[in-house]
Amino acid sequence: MSSLDCALATLLDAKEVHPAVRLLLDDAGFQEAVPLGGLGLEEKAKAFAELLKMSEVPQVSELVPGWFADELFVPAEIGRGEYLVSVTDWLQSRPPTWLRTSDQLVAEVKQVFEKNQLDVRASDKLPCALALNVNFDVSILPAHLRDSVQVQDLASQVIGLLCAPKKGENWWDMCAGSGGKTIHLADLMSDTGEIFATDIRKTALYELKRRAKQTRHRSIVPELITEGEDPAPDKTFDGILVDAPCSGSGTWHRNPDARWRIEEGMIPEFTETQLSLLDMGAAKLRKNGLMIYSVCSVLMDETEGIKQKFLEKHPEFEAIDLLHPLTGEMVSSVWVEPSQADCNGMFAFGVRRKNASLS
């Protein structure tokens, strides 16, 4: 991408044109270019077509893969076309960097950022969450705060709150990755009990081990496994988190190129893995245990479709209502949309064995 392309691209979100960008645009003959940050997608497309003297106005549908519209989960009360435009709009936005800290430290951490003239705001939904609209150097935090601040998207923080693990419980984080949700679970349990954290990716698990050591969490037990392996043949768990591999379509606004690397034919492969992980988890869940399934996806087959297939395959389980941390409502399917809280898109549901006692 040329410097001129970059300068033109900044107009899409800008409320004001940076002087250096203005100079570059003027030199290239775009003296009439104006910031488009306050416009909708269709208005931006028309403005760019006029600015670049294009023969046709670009279509909003061109911003996502051709198969996306048919695969998108659409709420019953909204038309597919209307919802597609809404989702595509937030997929073109730049979400902030979300941080998680504790109730006791959030005000102090916020004050540090403000003293360093960084644009920071506290979430009005989750008391431990802070949003930054710029990158930051962790060294600006005093030493006593650094290990208490984790980079974790707001939607990801929601998943830990849905799990709501109790002190002393044994949990299995089946796809722990670099440990964002694992560490959150450990914090919620005050580093008691045990969290068996597994993944098939060596580099991701290495990062989890590094972070757990840095934050001095002793309840986290990381283990590298091979795909399809039962890493705990003699274990059962109070809780299981299945944060499954997926299309990542709920994060395409953070990784715009990812939408062009995911092909429609890959979705059945993801859903096969997702169901396989749930099957394994079902066999390991204790009588009164809770299993949470989550994906950063907005596709039907990976969300409500997986929920339906699992319950059909496992009639001994039932979906339970969960308290949605962002809305305060009890729901059996938890949807986190970026339009709700300027974060990633996420889906989750929880299951228990039928007739399980919660006492």
Protein backbone atom coordinates (compact mmCIF):
# COMPACT_ATOMS: atom_id res chain seq x y z
CA MET A 1 0.00 0.00 0.00
CA SER A 2 1.44 3.37 -1.02
CA SER A 3 1.68 6.41 1.24
CA LEU A 4 -1.13 8.02 -0.78
CA ASP A 5 -3.35 4.97 -0.26
CA CYS A 6 -2.68 5.19 3.47
CA ALA A 7 -3.50 8.90 3.47
CA LEU A 8 -6.79 8.29 1.67
CA ALA A 9 -7.62 5.42 4.05
CA THR A 10 -7.27 7.69 7.08
CA LEU A 11 -10.17 9.78 5.77
CA LEU A 12 -12.60 6.91 6.40
CA ASP A 13 -12.48 7.23 10.19
CA ALA A 14 -11.08 10.73 10.64
CA LYS A 15 -13.01 13.61 12.15
CA GLU A 16 -10.14 15.95 11.28
CA VAL A 17 -7.38 15.63 8.66
CA HIS A 18 -3.87 15.48 10.11
CA PRO A 19 -1.63 18.26 8.68
CA ALA A 20 0.84 15.74 7.25
CA VAL A 21 -2.00 13.86 5.57
CA ARG A 22 -3.43 17.10 4.20
CA LEU A 23 -0.05 18.01 2.68
CA LEU A 24 0.25 14.61 1.01
CA LEU A 25 -3.31 14.76 -0.35
CA ASP A 26 -2.87 18.31 -1.65
CA ASP A 27 0.35 17.37 -3.43
CA ALA A 28 -1.46 14.45 -5.09
CA GLY A 29 -4.27 16.67 -6.34
CA PHE A 30 -6.89 15.80 -3.72
CA GLN A 31 -7.39 19.29 -2.32
CA GLU A 32 -11.13 18.65 -1.92
CA ALA A 33 -10.70 15.54 0.25
CA VAL A 34 -12.55 15.81 3.55
CA PRO A 35 -12.75 13.56 6.64
CA LEU A 36 -15.54 10.97 6.44
CA GLY A 37 -15.54 9.68 10.01
CA GLY A 38 -19.08 10.74 10.75
CA LEU A 39 -20.69 9.11 7.71
CA GLY A 40 -22.29 5.69 7.20
CA LEU A 41 -20.75 3.11 4.89
CA GLU A 42 -22.94 3.89 1.90
CA GLU A 43 -22.24 7.63 2.24
CA LYS A 44 -18.51 6.94 2.51
CA ALA A 45 -18.65 4.80 -0.64
CA LYS A 46 -20.37 7.58 -2.59
CA ALA A 47 -17.90 10.19 -1.32
CA PHE A 48 -14.89 8.06 -2.28
CA ALA A 49 -16.32 7.29 -5.71
CA GLU A 50 -16.71 11.01 -6.32
CA LEU A 51 -13.26 11.86 -4.96
CA LEU A 52 -11.51 9.16 -7.04
CA LYS A 53 -13.76 9.73 -10.05
CA MET A 54 -14.81 6.06 -10.10
CA SER A 55 -17.27 4.90 -12.75
CA GLU A 56 -19.31 2.95 -10.19
CA VAL A 57 -19.96 3.40 -6.49
CA PRO A 58 -18.42 0.51 -4.43
CA GLN A 59 -21.01 -1.74 -2.79
CA VAL A 60 -21.03 -2.33 0.97
CA SER A 61 -21.32 -6.07 0.26
CA GLU A 62 -17.81 -5.98 -1.24
CA LEU A 63 -16.34 -5.39 2.22
CA VAL A 64 -17.01 -9.00 3.29
CA PRO A 65 -16.66 -12.38 1.51
CA GLY A 66 -19.49 -13.28 -0.85
CA TRP A 67 -20.59 -16.22 1.29
CA PHE A 68 -20.76 -14.19 4.52
CA ALA A 69 -24.34 -12.92 4.13
CA ASP A 70 -25.83 -16.43 3.91
CA GLU A 71 -23.77 -17.76 6.84
CA LEU A 72 -24.38 -14.81 9.19
CA PHE A 73 -26.61 -15.42 12.21
CA VAL A 74 -29.50 -12.95 11.99
CA PRO A 75 -31.79 -12.19 14.96
CA ALA A 76 -35.43 -13.04 14.20
CA GLU A 77 -36.64 -9.47 14.66
CA ILE A 78 -34.23 -7.98 12.08
CA GLY A 79 -34.14 -8.37 8.30
CA ARG A 80 -31.04 -10.05 6.85
CA GLY A 81 -30.15 -7.13 4.59
CA GLU A 82 -30.49 -4.56 7.36
CA TYR A 83 -28.48 -6.66 9.79
CA LEU A 84 -25.75 -7.37 7.22
CA VAL A 85 -25.21 -3.64 6.73
CA SER A 86 -25.07 -3.14 10.52
CA VAL A 87 -22.53 -5.95 11.02
CA THR A 88 -20.44 -4.82 8.06
CA ASP A 89 -20.40 -1.32 9.51
CA TRP A 90 -18.85 -2.42 12.79
CA LEU A 91 -16.45 -4.74 10.98
CA GLN A 92 -15.02 -1.56 9.44
CA SER A 93 -14.55 0.14 12.80
CA ARG A 94 -11.43 0.24 14.94
CA PRO A 95 -12.20 -1.11 18.42
CA PRO A 96 -10.18 0.07 21.43
CA THR A 97 -7.68 -1.98 23.37
CA TRP A 98 -9.48 -3.35 26.41
CA LEU A 99 -7.72 -3.93 29.72
CA ARG A 100 -8.84 -5.91 32.74
CA THR A 101 -7.80 -5.16 36.30
CA SER A 102 -9.43 -5.51 39.72
CA ASP A 103 -12.22 -3.50 41.32
CA GLN A 104 -9.73 -2.17 43.86
CA LEU A 105 -7.19 -0.96 41.28
CA VAL A 106 -9.28 0.27 38.34
CA ALA A 107 -9.40 3.90 39.54
CA GLU A 108 -5.65 3.98 40.21
CA VAL A 109 -4.82 2.44 36.82
CA LYS A 110 -7.13 4.88 35.05
CA GLN A 111 -5.45 7.78 36.83
CA VAL A 112 -2.00 6.65 35.64
CA PHE A 113 -3.15 6.65 32.01
CA GLU A 114 -4.80 10.04 32.40
CA LYS A 115 -1.62 11.52 33.90
CA ASN A 116 0.21 10.29 30.79
CA GLN A 117 -2.41 12.03 28.63
CA LEU A 118 -3.74 8.77 27.19
CA ASP A 119 -7.36 8.53 26.06
CA VAL A 120 -8.83 6.06 28.56
CA ARG A 121 -12.38 5.33 29.67
CA ALA A 122 -13.94 2.93 32.11
CA SER A 123 -16.61 0.52 30.93
CA ASP A 124 -20.11 1.36 32.08
CA LYS A 125 -20.91 -2.36 31.93
CA LEU A 126 -17.98 -4.12 33.63
CA PRO A 127 -16.33 -2.36 36.58
CA CYS A 128 -12.92 -3.97 36.01
CA ALA A 129 -12.59 -2.99 32.34
CA LEU A 130 -10.80 0.00 30.81
CA ALA A 131 -10.64 0.99 27.13
CA LEU A 132 -7.66 2.68 25.48
CA ASN A 133 -7.86 4.15 21.99
CA VAL A 134 -4.07 4.23 21.61
CA ASN A 135 -1.20 1.81 22.11
CA PHE A 136 0.62 2.12 25.40
CA ASP A 137 3.92 1.15 26.96
CA VAL A 138 3.39 -1.02 30.03
CA SER A 139 6.41 0.67 31.62
CA ILE A 140 4.26 3.73 32.40
CA LEU A 141 2.51 1.63 35.04
CA PRO A 142 4.11 1.51 38.48
CA ALA A 143 5.71 -1.85 39.27
CA HIS A 144 2.97 -2.81 41.74
CA LEU A 145 0.32 -2.45 39.01
CA ARG A 146 1.93 -4.14 36.01
CA ASP A 147 1.05 -7.72 36.93
CA SER A 148 -2.50 -6.67 37.81
CA VAL A 149 -3.38 -5.30 34.38
CA GLN A 150 -4.17 -7.72 31.55
CA VAL A 151 -4.89 -6.92 27.92
CA GLN A 152 -8.22 -8.68 27.34
CA ASP A 153 -11.08 -7.71 25.07
CA LEU A 154 -14.35 -6.87 26.81
CA ALA A 155 -16.15 -9.75 25.06
CA SER A 156 -13.51 -12.15 26.35
CA GLN A 157 -13.99 -10.80 29.86
CA VAL A 158 -17.69 -11.62 29.53
CA ILE A 159 -16.85 -15.31 29.07
CA GLY A 160 -14.99 -15.53 32.38
CA LEU A 161 -17.94 -13.93 34.16
CA LEU A 162 -20.32 -16.45 32.56
CA CYS A 163 -18.17 -19.28 33.93
CA ALA A 164 -18.32 -17.70 37.41
CA PRO A 165 -16.00 -20.33 38.95
CA LYS A 166 -16.09 -20.79 42.70
CA LYS A 167 -13.04 -20.83 44.94
CA GLY A 168 -11.44 -24.26 45.19
CA GLU A 169 -13.08 -25.71 42.08
CA ASN A 170 -11.31 -27.69 39.38
CA TRP A 171 -11.74 -26.27 35.88
CA TRP A 172 -10.55 -27.33 32.46
CA ASP A 173 -9.80 -24.62 29.92
CA MET A 174 -9.73 -26.87 26.87
CA CYS A 175 -8.36 -24.38 24.31
CA ALA A 176 -6.40 -22.09 26.58
CA GLY A 177 -4.29 -20.39 23.94
CA SER A 178 -2.07 -17.68 25.39
CA GLY A 179 -4.09 -17.68 28.60
CA GLY A 180 -6.29 -14.58 28.65
CA LYS A 181 -9.39 -16.43 29.83
CA THR A 182 -7.33 -18.87 31.91
CA ILE A 183 -5.82 -16.07 33.98
CA HIS A 184 -9.24 -14.46 34.33
CA LEU A 185 -10.66 -17.72 35.72
CA ALA A 186 -7.74 -17.96 38.14
CA ASP A 187 -8.35 -14.39 39.31
CA LEU A 188 -12.06 -15.09 39.82
CA MET A 189 -11.10 -18.10 41.95
CA SER A 190 -8.53 -16.07 43.91
CA ASP A 191 -5.88 -18.49 42.60
CA THR A 192 -7.37 -21.42 44.52
CA GLY A 193 -8.37 -24.84 43.21
CA GLU A 194 -6.88 -25.85 39.86
CA ILE A 195 -7.23 -24.82 36.23
CA PHE A 196 -6.08 -27.46 33.78
CA ALA A 197 -5.10 -25.38 30.75
CA THR A 198 -4.49 -27.28 27.51
CA ASP A 199 -3.75 -26.40 23.91
CA ILE A 200 -2.26 -28.01 20.81
CA ARG A 201 -0.23 -24.92 19.91
CA LYS A 202 3.22 -24.91 21.46
CA THR A 203 3.89 -21.20 21.02
CA ALA A 204 0.52 -20.22 22.53
CA LEU A 205 1.05 -22.46 25.54
CA TYR A 206 4.55 -21.06 26.01
CA GLU A 207 3.01 -17.60 26.24
CA LEU A 208 0.46 -18.88 28.77
CA LYS A 209 3.25 -20.30 30.94
CA ARG A 210 5.16 -17.02 30.72
CA ARG A 211 2.12 -14.97 31.72
CA ALA A 212 1.14 -17.31 34.56
CA LYS A 213 4.69 -17.11 35.92
CA GLN A 214 4.73 -13.34 35.60
CA THR A 215 1.41 -12.98 37.44
CA ARG A 216 2.43 -15.65 39.99
CA HIS A 217 -0.65 -17.81 39.50
CA ARG A 218 -0.11 -21.21 41.07
CA SER A 219 -3.52 -22.70 40.29
CA ILE A 220 -2.86 -22.87 36.53
CA VAL A 221 -1.56 -26.20 35.24
CA PRO A 222 -0.62 -25.86 31.53
CA GLU A 223 -0.22 -28.92 29.31
CA LEU A 224 0.61 -29.25 25.63
CA ILE A 225 -1.56 -31.89 23.95
CA THR A 226 -2.04 -33.42 20.51
CA GLU A 227 -5.29 -32.96 18.60
CA GLY A 228 -7.95 -35.52 19.57
CA GLU A 229 -6.00 -36.67 22.63
CA ASP A 230 -7.70 -37.16 25.99
CA PRO A 231 -5.20 -35.39 28.25
CA ALA A 232 -7.06 -36.26 31.44
CA PRO A 233 -8.24 -39.91 31.21
CA ASP A 234 -8.86 -40.18 34.95
CA LYS A 235 -10.13 -36.67 35.67
CA THR A 236 -13.51 -34.98 35.92
CA PHE A 237 -14.13 -31.29 36.43
CA ASP A 238 -16.46 -28.89 38.22
CA GLY A 239 -16.37 -26.64 35.19
CA ILE A 240 -15.17 -26.77 31.59
CA LEU A 241 -14.60 -23.87 29.22
CA VAL A 242 -14.66 -24.77 25.54
CA ASP A 243 -13.39 -21.60 23.85
CA ALA A 244 -13.29 -23.37 20.52
CA PRO A 245 -11.34 -22.66 17.33
CA CYS A 246 -13.58 -20.85 14.86
CA SER A 247 -13.77 -18.53 11.88
CA GLY A 248 -12.93 -15.57 14.10
CA SER A 249 -15.57 -13.57 12.21
CA GLY A 250 -16.38 -11.61 15.36
CA THR A 251 -12.83 -10.21 15.35
CA TRP A 252 -12.50 -9.26 11.68
CA HIS A 253 -12.49 -5.57 12.60
CA ARG A 254 -9.25 -6.17 14.53
CA ASN A 255 -7.76 -8.35 11.78
CA PRO A 256 -9.31 -7.06 8.52
CA ASP A 257 -7.29 -9.36 6.26
CA ALA A 258 -8.58 -12.44 8.10
CA ARG A 259 -11.96 -12.19 6.35
CA TRP A 260 -10.24 -12.93 3.04
CA ARG A 261 -8.29 -15.89 4.43
CA ILE A 262 -11.36 -17.73 5.74
CA GLU A 263 -13.15 -19.69 3.02
CA GLU A 264 -16.69 -21.02 3.18
CA GLY A 265 -15.45 -24.60 2.90
CA MET A 266 -13.53 -24.18 6.16
CA ILE A 267 -16.67 -23.68 8.26
CA PRO A 268 -17.66 -27.40 8.35
CA GLU A 269 -14.13 -28.20 9.51
CA PHE A 270 -14.48 -25.73 12.37
CA THR A 271 -17.90 -27.06 13.40
CA GLU A 272 -16.62 -30.64 13.39
CA THR A 273 -13.84 -29.64 15.77
CA GLN A 274 -16.23 -27.62 17.94
CA LEU A 275 -18.62 -30.56 18.38
CA SER A 276 -15.73 -32.93 19.04
CA LEU A 277 -14.47 -30.70 21.84
CA LEU A 278 -17.94 -30.48 23.37
CA ASP A 279 -18.27 -34.27 23.20
CA MET A 280 -14.98 -34.66 25.07
CA GLY A 281 -16.02 -32.07 27.63
CA ALA A 282 -19.39 -33.73 28.21
CA ALA A 283 -17.63 -36.93 29.23
CA LYS A 284 -15.47 -35.08 31.76
CA LEU A 285 -18.09 -32.94 33.45
CA ARG A 286 -19.09 -33.80 37.01
CA LYS A 287 -22.73 -34.34 37.92
CA ASN A 288 -23.39 -30.76 38.99
CA GLY A 289 -20.77 -29.23 36.72
CA LEU A 290 -21.10 -26.38 34.23
CA MET A 291 -19.76 -26.40 30.68
CA ILE A 292 -19.47 -23.11 28.78
CA TYR A 293 -19.02 -23.02 25.01
CA SER A 294 -17.75 -19.81 23.41
CA VAL A 295 -16.58 -18.63 20.00
CA CYS A 296 -15.64 -15.22 18.61
CA SER A 297 -17.93 -15.85 15.65
CA VAL A 298 -21.12 -14.37 14.24
CA LEU A 299 -21.87 -17.29 11.90
CA MET A 300 -24.99 -19.41 12.39
CA ASP A 301 -23.30 -22.80 12.05
CA GLU A 302 -20.69 -22.03 14.73
CA THR A 303 -23.11 -20.54 17.23
CA GLU A 304 -26.79 -21.47 17.48
CA GLY A 305 -26.16 -24.34 15.07
CA ILE A 306 -23.59 -25.92 17.37
CA LYS A 307 -25.86 -25.46 20.37
CA GLN A 308 -28.71 -27.26 18.60
CA LYS A 309 -26.52 -30.13 17.37
CA PHE A 310 -24.94 -30.70 20.78
CA LEU A 311 -28.28 -30.83 22.58
CA GLU A 312 -29.71 -33.20 19.95
CA LYS A 313 -26.68 -35.48 20.32
CA HIS A 314 -26.66 -35.29 24.14
CA PRO A 315 -30.24 -35.42 25.44
CA GLU A 316 -28.84 -35.89 28.94
CA PHE A 317 -27.79 -32.23 28.86
CA GLU A 318 -29.84 -29.06 28.84
CA ALA A 319 -29.03 -25.45 28.06
CA ILE A 320 -29.28 -23.18 31.08
CA ASP A 321 -30.05 -19.49 31.42
CA LEU A 322 -27.03 -17.34 32.15
CA LEU A 323 -26.85 -13.78 33.44
CA HIS A 324 -25.61 -11.62 30.56
CA PRO A 325 -22.97 -9.34 32.15
CA LEU A 326 -23.62 -6.52 29.66
CA THR A 327 -27.41 -6.46 29.75
CA GLY A 328 -28.33 -7.92 33.14
CA GLU A 329 -30.81 -10.27 31.44
CA MET A 330 -31.09 -14.04 31.91
CA VAL A 331 -30.59 -15.66 28.49
CA SER A 332 -29.87 -19.16 27.17
CA SER A 333 -27.72 -17.78 24.33
CA VAL A 334 -25.28 -15.00 25.15
CA TRP A 335 -24.51 -12.71 22.23
CA VAL A 336 -21.96 -9.91 22.55
CA GLU A 337 -22.15 -7.51 19.63
CA PRO A 338 -19.58 -4.76 19.05
CA SER A 339 -22.43 -2.27 18.79
CA GLN A 340 -23.22 -3.05 22.45
CA ALA A 341 -19.85 -2.17 23.92
CA ASP A 342 -17.25 -1.40 21.22
CA CYS A 343 -15.60 -4.80 21.43
CA ASN A 344 -15.30 -8.13 19.61
CA GLY A 345 -18.29 -10.20 18.57
CA MET A 346 -18.78 -13.26 20.77
CA PHE A 347 -21.30 -16.06 21.34
CA ALA A 348 -21.66 -18.40 24.29
CA PHE A 349 -24.03 -20.86 25.91
CA GLY A 350 -23.89 -23.06 29.00
CA VAL A 351 -25.08 -26.61 29.68
CA ARG A 352 -25.56 -28.89 32.67
CA ARG A 353 -26.67 -32.46 33.02
CA LYS A 354 -30.43 -32.76 33.44
CA ASN A 355 -31.67 -33.22 36.99
CA ALA A 356 -28.35 -31.94 38.36
CA SER A 357 -28.62 -30.44 41.82
CA LEU A 358 -27.05 -26.99 42.27
CA SER A 359 -26.87 -27.27 46.04
